[in-house]
PDB file of all heavy atoms in Angstrom:
ATOM      1  N   GLY A   1      -2.478  -2.216   8.191  1.00  0.00           N
ATOM      2  CA  GLY A   1      -4.041  -2.025   8.072  1.00  0.00           C
ATOM      3  C   GLY A   1      -4.398  -2.091   6.664  1.00  0.00           C
ATOM      4  O   GLY A   1      -3.661  -2.325   5.688  1.00  0.00           O
ATOM      5  N   PRO A   2      -5.759  -1.814   6.491  1.00  0.00           N
ATOM      6  CA  PRO A   2      -6.327  -1.960   5.110  1.00  0.00           C
ATOM      7  C   PRO A   2      -6.065  -0.775   4.270  1.00  0.00           C
ATOM      8  O   PRO A   2      -5.781   0.298   4.723  1.00  0.00           O
ATOM      9  CB  PRO A   2      -7.905  -2.057   5.402  1.00  0.00           C
ATOM     10  CG  PRO A   2      -8.070  -1.357   6.653  1.00  0.00           C
ATOM     11  CD  PRO A   2      -6.894  -1.637   7.461  1.00  0.00           C
ATOM     12  N   VAL A   3      -6.173  -1.038   2.965  1.00  0.00           N
ATOM     13  CA  VAL A   3      -6.101   0.158   2.003  1.00  0.00           C
ATOM     14  C   VAL A   3      -7.531   0.379   1.491  1.00  0.00           C
ATOM     15  O   VAL A   3      -8.225  -0.521   1.197  1.00  0.00           O
ATOM     16  CB  VAL A   3      -5.215  -0.327   0.690  1.00  0.00           C
ATOM     17  CG1 VAL A   3      -5.279   0.853  -0.358  1.00  0.00           C
ATOM     18  CG2 VAL A   3      -3.796  -0.505   1.189  1.00  0.00           C
ATOM     19  N   THR A   4      -7.951   1.687   1.662  1.00  0.00           N
ATOM     20  CA  THR A   4      -9.304   2.026   1.357  1.00  0.00           C
ATOM     21  C   THR A   4      -9.291   3.130   0.401  1.00  0.00           C
ATOM     22  O   THR A   4      -8.269   3.797   0.068  1.00  0.00           O
ATOM     23  CB  THR A   4     -10.130   2.498   2.573  1.00  0.00           C
ATOM     24  OG1 THR A   4      -9.445   3.651   3.120  1.00  0.00           O
ATOM     25  CG2 THR A   4     -10.098   1.396   3.715  1.00  0.00           C
ATOM     26  N   ALA A   5     -10.439   3.346  -0.370  1.00  0.00           N
ATOM     27  CA  ALA A   5     -10.593   4.372  -1.344  1.00  0.00           C
ATOM     28  C   ALA A   5     -11.938   5.041  -1.276  1.00  0.00           C
ATOM     29  O   ALA A   5     -12.922   4.346  -0.881  1.00  0.00           O
ATOM     30  CB  ALA A   5     -10.387   3.872  -2.755  1.00  0.00           C
ATOM     31  N   THR A   6     -12.094   6.323  -1.538  1.00  0.00           N
ATOM     32  CA  THR A   6     -13.280   6.987  -1.598  1.00  0.00           C
ATOM     33  C   THR A   6     -13.521   7.488  -2.978  1.00  0.00           C
ATOM     34  O   THR A   6     -12.687   8.162  -3.573  1.00  0.00           O
ATOM     35  CB  THR A   6     -13.321   8.198  -0.643  1.00  0.00           C
ATOM     36  OG1 THR A   6     -12.981   7.657   0.714  1.00  0.00           O
ATOM     37  CG2 THR A   6     -14.689   8.870  -0.570  1.00  0.00           C
ATOM     38  N   PHE A   7     -14.764   7.253  -3.538  1.00  0.00           N
ATOM     39  CA  PHE A   7     -14.984   7.635  -4.927  1.00  0.00           C
ATOM     40  C   PHE A   7     -15.990   8.849  -4.940  1.00  0.00           C
ATOM     41  O   PHE A   7     -16.655   9.231  -3.966  1.00  0.00           O
ATOM     42  CB  PHE A   7     -15.774   6.443  -5.541  1.00  0.00           C
ATOM     43  CG  PHE A   7     -15.029   5.278  -5.718  1.00  0.00           C
ATOM     44  CD1 PHE A   7     -15.164   4.276  -4.800  1.00  0.00           C
ATOM     45  CD2 PHE A   7     -14.009   5.049  -6.730  1.00  0.00           C
ATOM     46  CE1 PHE A   7     -14.357   3.007  -4.850  1.00  0.00           C
ATOM     47  CE2 PHE A   7     -13.415   3.876  -6.851  1.00  0.00           C
ATOM     48  CZ  PHE A   7     -13.465   2.944  -5.858  1.00  0.00           C
ATOM     49  N   SER A   8     -15.778   9.653  -5.983  1.00  0.00           N
ATOM     50  CA  SER A   8     -16.625  10.867  -6.184  1.00  0.00           C
ATOM     51  C   SER A   8     -18.082  10.558  -6.406  1.00  0.00           C
ATOM     52  O   SER A   8     -18.927  11.452  -6.182  1.00  0.00           O
ATOM     53  CB  SER A   8     -15.987  11.781  -7.260  1.00  0.00           C
ATOM     54  OG  SER A   8     -16.033  11.019  -8.505  1.00  0.00           O
ATOM     55  N   ALA A   9     -18.307   9.378  -6.893  1.00  0.00           N
ATOM     56  CA  ALA A   9     -19.703   8.821  -7.191  1.00  0.00           C
ATOM     57  C   ALA A   9     -19.525   7.351  -7.087  1.00  0.00           C
ATOM     58  O   ALA A   9     -18.509   6.765  -7.044  1.00  0.00           O
ATOM     59  CB  ALA A   9     -20.177   9.314  -8.543  1.00  0.00           C
ATOM     60  N   THR A  10     -20.783   6.752  -6.876  1.00  0.00           N
ATOM     61  CA  THR A  10     -20.889   5.311  -6.720  1.00  0.00           C
ATOM     62  C   THR A  10     -20.634   4.557  -7.977  1.00  0.00           C
ATOM     63  O   THR A  10     -21.329   4.762  -8.914  1.00  0.00           O
ATOM     64  CB  THR A  10     -22.260   4.888  -6.156  1.00  0.00           C
ATOM     65  OG1 THR A  10     -22.547   5.631  -4.880  1.00  0.00           O
ATOM     66  CG2 THR A  10     -22.262   3.444  -5.856  1.00  0.00           C
ATOM     67  N   PRO A  11     -19.519   3.813  -8.027  1.00  0.00           N
ATOM     68  CA  PRO A  11     -19.211   3.008  -9.274  1.00  0.00           C
ATOM     69  C   PRO A  11     -20.112   1.711  -9.277  1.00  0.00           C
ATOM     70  O   PRO A  11     -20.621   1.281  -8.382  1.00  0.00           O
ATOM     71  CB  PRO A  11     -17.734   2.681  -9.077  1.00  0.00           C
ATOM     72  CG  PRO A  11     -17.563   2.506  -7.644  1.00  0.00           C
ATOM     73  CD  PRO A  11     -18.508   3.583  -7.051  1.00  0.00           C
ATOM     74  N   SER A  12     -20.271   1.233 -10.504  1.00  0.00           N
ATOM     75  CA  SER A  12     -20.975  -0.109 -10.625  1.00  0.00           C
ATOM     76  C   SER A  12     -20.152  -1.191 -10.001  1.00  0.00           C
ATOM     77  O   SER A  12     -20.667  -2.017  -9.241  1.00  0.00           O
ATOM     78  CB  SER A  12     -21.142  -0.500 -12.227  1.00  0.00           C
ATOM     79  OG  SER A  12     -21.959   0.625 -12.811  1.00  0.00           O
ATOM     80  N   HIS A  13     -18.879  -1.305 -10.086  1.00  0.00           N
ATOM     81  CA  HIS A  13     -18.000  -2.140  -9.593  1.00  0.00           C
ATOM     82  C   HIS A  13     -16.617  -1.531  -9.485  1.00  0.00           C
ATOM     83  O   HIS A  13     -16.196  -0.678 -10.357  1.00  0.00           O
ATOM     84  CB  HIS A  13     -17.829  -3.347 -10.384  1.00  0.00           C
ATOM     85  CG  HIS A  13     -19.188  -4.195 -10.415  1.00  0.00           C
ATOM     86  ND1 HIS A  13     -19.657  -4.922  -9.277  1.00  0.00           N
ATOM     87  CD2 HIS A  13     -20.095  -4.363 -11.378  1.00  0.00           C
ATOM     88  CE1 HIS A  13     -20.866  -5.462  -9.649  1.00  0.00           C
ATOM     89  NE2 HIS A  13     -21.083  -5.162 -10.873  1.00  0.00           N
ATOM     90  N   ALA A  14     -15.782  -1.909  -8.507  1.00  0.00           N
ATOM     91  CA  ALA A  14     -14.449  -1.328  -8.474  1.00  0.00           C
ATOM     92  C   ALA A  14     -13.490  -2.407  -7.805  1.00  0.00           C
ATOM     93  O   ALA A  14     -13.928  -3.287  -7.069  1.00  0.00           O
ATOM     94  CB  ALA A  14     -14.489  -0.103  -7.503  1.00  0.00           C
ATOM     95  N   VAL A  15     -12.220  -2.206  -8.041  1.00  0.00           N
ATOM     96  CA  VAL A  15     -11.132  -3.128  -7.595  1.00  0.00           C
ATOM     97  C   VAL A  15     -10.007  -2.331  -7.157  1.00  0.00           C
ATOM     98  O   VAL A  15      -9.699  -1.257  -7.691  1.00  0.00           O
ATOM     99  CB  VAL A  15     -10.633  -4.101  -8.730  1.00  0.00           C
ATOM    100  CG1 VAL A  15      -9.405  -4.840  -8.409  1.00  0.00           C
ATOM    101  CG2 VAL A  15     -11.812  -5.054  -9.185  1.00  0.00           C
ATOM    102  N   ILE A  16      -9.539  -2.729  -5.972  1.00  0.00           N
ATOM    103  CA  ILE A  16      -8.246  -2.175  -5.420  1.00  0.00           C
ATOM    104  C   ILE A  16      -7.151  -3.139  -5.415  1.00  0.00           C
ATOM    105  O   ILE A  16      -7.372  -4.321  -4.971  1.00  0.00           O
ATOM    106  CB  ILE A  16      -8.425  -1.605  -4.012  1.00  0.00           C
ATOM    107  CG1 ILE A  16      -9.402  -0.538  -3.965  1.00  0.00           C
ATOM    108  CG2 ILE A  16      -7.049  -1.034  -3.457  1.00  0.00           C
ATOM    109  CD1 ILE A  16      -9.675   0.105  -2.544  1.00  0.00           C
ATOM    110  N   MET A  17      -6.029  -2.838  -5.957  1.00  0.00           N
ATOM    111  CA  MET A  17      -4.777  -3.811  -5.963  1.00  0.00           C
ATOM    112  C   MET A  17      -3.627  -2.973  -5.338  1.00  0.00           C
ATOM    113  O   MET A  17      -3.424  -1.877  -5.654  1.00  0.00           O
ATOM    114  CB  MET A  17      -4.483  -4.280  -7.329  1.00  0.00           C
ATOM    115  CG  MET A  17      -3.516  -5.295  -7.438  1.00  0.00           C
ATOM    116  SD  MET A  17      -3.151  -5.840  -9.197  1.00  0.00           S
ATOM    117  CE  MET A  17      -4.635  -6.615  -9.571  1.00  0.00           C
ATOM    118  N   VAL A  18      -2.811  -3.638  -4.513  1.00  0.00           N
ATOM    119  CA  VAL A  18      -1.633  -3.116  -3.899  1.00  0.00           C
ATOM    120  C   VAL A  18      -0.406  -3.809  -4.386  1.00  0.00           C
ATOM    121  O   VAL A  18      -0.269  -5.044  -4.381  1.00  0.00           O
ATOM    122  CB  VAL A  18      -1.733  -3.123  -2.360  1.00  0.00           C
ATOM    123  CG1 VAL A  18      -0.552  -2.528  -1.764  1.00  0.00           C
ATOM    124  CG2 VAL A  18      -2.951  -2.464  -1.820  1.00  0.00           C
ATOM    125  N   SER A  19       0.564  -3.039  -4.936  1.00  0.00           N
ATOM    126  CA  SER A  19       1.894  -3.499  -5.381  1.00  0.00           C
ATOM    127  C   SER A  19       2.919  -2.906  -4.445  1.00  0.00           C
ATOM    128  O   SER A  19       2.996  -1.729  -4.182  1.00  0.00           O
ATOM    129  CB  SER A  19       2.117  -3.112  -6.816  1.00  0.00           C
ATOM    130  OG  SER A  19       1.086  -3.663  -7.584  1.00  0.00           O
ATOM    131  N   ARG A  20       3.795  -3.759  -3.874  1.00  0.00           N
ATOM    132  CA  ARG A  20       4.829  -3.305  -3.012  1.00  0.00           C
ATOM    133  C   ARG A  20       6.217  -3.681  -3.441  1.00  0.00           C
ATOM    134  O   ARG A  20       6.498  -4.715  -4.040  1.00  0.00           O
ATOM    135  CB  ARG A  20       4.620  -3.945  -1.622  1.00  0.00           C
ATOM    136  CG  ARG A  20       3.350  -3.479  -0.859  1.00  0.00           C
ATOM    137  CD  ARG A  20       3.257  -4.205   0.423  1.00  0.00           C
ATOM    138  NE  ARG A  20       4.339  -3.912   1.339  1.00  0.00           N
ATOM    139  CZ  ARG A  20       4.501  -4.541   2.486  1.00  0.00           C
ATOM    140  NH1 ARG A  20       3.756  -5.501   2.845  1.00  0.00           N
ATOM    141  NH2 ARG A  20       5.625  -4.320   3.220  1.00  0.00           N
ATOM    142  N   TYR A  21       7.099  -2.676  -3.517  1.00  0.00           N
ATOM    143  CA  TYR A  21       8.532  -2.852  -3.942  1.00  0.00           C
ATOM    144  C   TYR A  21       9.535  -2.414  -2.980  1.00  0.00           C
ATOM    145  O   TYR A  21       9.312  -1.460  -2.155  1.00  0.00           O
ATOM    146  CB  TYR A  21       8.715  -2.090  -5.196  1.00  0.00           C
ATOM    147  CG  TYR A  21       7.987  -2.593  -6.447  1.00  0.00           C
ATOM    148  CD1 TYR A  21       6.684  -2.276  -6.662  1.00  0.00           C
ATOM    149  CD2 TYR A  21       8.595  -3.459  -7.316  1.00  0.00           C
ATOM    150  CE1 TYR A  21       5.855  -2.755  -7.744  1.00  0.00           C
ATOM    151  CE2 TYR A  21       7.840  -4.032  -8.423  1.00  0.00           C
ATOM    152  CZ  TYR A  21       6.515  -3.647  -8.596  1.00  0.00           C
ATOM    153  OH  TYR A  21       5.880  -4.126  -9.676  1.00  0.00           O
ATOM    154  N   SER A  22      10.624  -3.212  -2.870  1.00  0.00           N
ATOM    155  CA  SER A  22      11.727  -2.782  -1.898  1.00  0.00           C
ATOM    156  C   SER A  22      12.898  -2.439  -2.773  1.00  0.00           C
ATOM    157  O   SER A  22      12.978  -2.653  -3.865  1.00  0.00           O
ATOM    158  CB  SER A  22      12.109  -4.052  -1.064  1.00  0.00           C
ATOM    159  OG  SER A  22      12.528  -5.158  -1.757  1.00  0.00           O
ATOM    160  N   GLY A  23      13.869  -1.716  -2.114  1.00  0.00           N
ATOM    161  CA  GLY A  23      14.998  -1.274  -2.830  1.00  0.00           C
ATOM    162  C   GLY A  23      14.873  -0.176  -3.774  1.00  0.00           C
ATOM    163  O   GLY A  23      15.605   0.088  -4.688  1.00  0.00           O
ATOM    164  N   VAL A  24      13.779   0.646  -3.544  1.00  0.00           N
ATOM    165  CA  VAL A  24      13.344   1.815  -4.328  1.00  0.00           C
ATOM    166  C   VAL A  24      14.081   3.091  -3.886  1.00  0.00           C
ATOM    167  O   VAL A  24      14.319   3.235  -2.606  1.00  0.00           O
ATOM    168  CB  VAL A  24      11.959   1.931  -4.307  1.00  0.00           C
ATOM    169  CG1 VAL A  24      11.470   3.190  -5.154  1.00  0.00           C
ATOM    170  CG2 VAL A  24      11.254   0.677  -4.881  1.00  0.00           C
ATOM    171  N   ASP A  25      14.435   3.967  -4.756  1.00  0.00           N
ATOM    172  CA  ASP A  25      15.013   5.280  -4.341  1.00  0.00           C
ATOM    173  C   ASP A  25      14.019   5.952  -3.427  1.00  0.00           C
ATOM    174  O   ASP A  25      12.914   6.255  -3.837  1.00  0.00           O
ATOM    175  CB  ASP A  25      15.211   6.101  -5.607  1.00  0.00           C
ATOM    176  CG  ASP A  25      16.100   7.414  -5.294  1.00  0.00           C
ATOM    177  OD1 ASP A  25      15.700   8.099  -4.345  1.00  0.00           O
ATOM    178  OD2 ASP A  25      16.894   7.661  -6.101  1.00  0.00           O
ATOM    179  N   GLY A  26      14.501   6.303  -2.212  1.00  0.00           N
ATOM    180  CA  GLY A  26      13.519   6.925  -1.247  1.00  0.00           C
ATOM    181  C   GLY A  26      13.360   8.382  -1.514  1.00  0.00           C
ATOM    182  O   GLY A  26      12.289   8.904  -0.966  1.00  0.00           O
ATOM    183  N   VAL A  27      14.117   9.020  -2.261  1.00  0.00           N
ATOM    184  CA  VAL A  27      13.969  10.480  -2.580  1.00  0.00           C
ATOM    185  C   VAL A  27      13.162  10.728  -3.857  1.00  0.00           C
ATOM    186  O   VAL A  27      12.189  11.498  -3.928  1.00  0.00           O
ATOM    187  CB  VAL A  27      15.207  11.203  -2.590  1.00  0.00           C
ATOM    188  CG1 VAL A  27      15.029  12.582  -2.915  1.00  0.00           C
ATOM    189  CG2 VAL A  27      16.010  11.027  -1.342  1.00  0.00           C
ATOM    190  N   ALA A  28      13.549  10.101  -4.923  1.00  0.00           N
ATOM    191  CA  ALA A  28      12.925  10.206  -6.165  1.00  0.00           C
ATOM    192  C   ALA A  28      12.548   8.750  -6.756  1.00  0.00           C
ATOM    193  O   ALA A  28      13.201   8.275  -7.603  1.00  0.00           O
ATOM    194  CB  ALA A  28      13.764  10.987  -7.134  1.00  0.00           C
ATOM    195  N   PRO A  29      11.451   8.154  -6.171  1.00  0.00           N
ATOM    196  CA  PRO A  29      11.117   6.823  -6.540  1.00  0.00           C
ATOM    197  C   PRO A  29      10.681   6.606  -8.046  1.00  0.00           C
ATOM    198  O   PRO A  29      10.751   5.467  -8.510  1.00  0.00           O
ATOM    199  CB  PRO A  29      10.112   6.391  -5.511  1.00  0.00           C
ATOM    200  CG  PRO A  29       9.454   7.778  -5.268  1.00  0.00           C
ATOM    201  CD  PRO A  29      10.556   8.740  -5.214  1.00  0.00           C
ATOM    202  N   LEU A  30      10.040   7.640  -8.593  1.00  0.00           N
ATOM    203  CA  LEU A  30       9.487   7.441  -9.902  1.00  0.00           C
ATOM    204  C   LEU A  30      10.232   8.297 -11.016  1.00  0.00           C
ATOM    205  O   LEU A  30      10.550   9.350 -10.702  1.00  0.00           O
ATOM    206  CB  LEU A  30       7.910   7.818  -9.816  1.00  0.00           C
ATOM    207  CG  LEU A  30       7.147   6.976  -8.902  1.00  0.00           C
ATOM    208  CD1 LEU A  30       5.665   7.454  -9.039  1.00  0.00           C
ATOM    209  CD2 LEU A  30       7.213   5.557  -9.143  1.00  0.00           C
TER     210      LEU A  30
END
């Protein structure tokens, strides 16, 4: 499905970008 975002106030312009990675540690990914 889509990725959506809700802002605390109306921005002039906004961009959403999605990055996906495989092979990542499932317990402590970052």
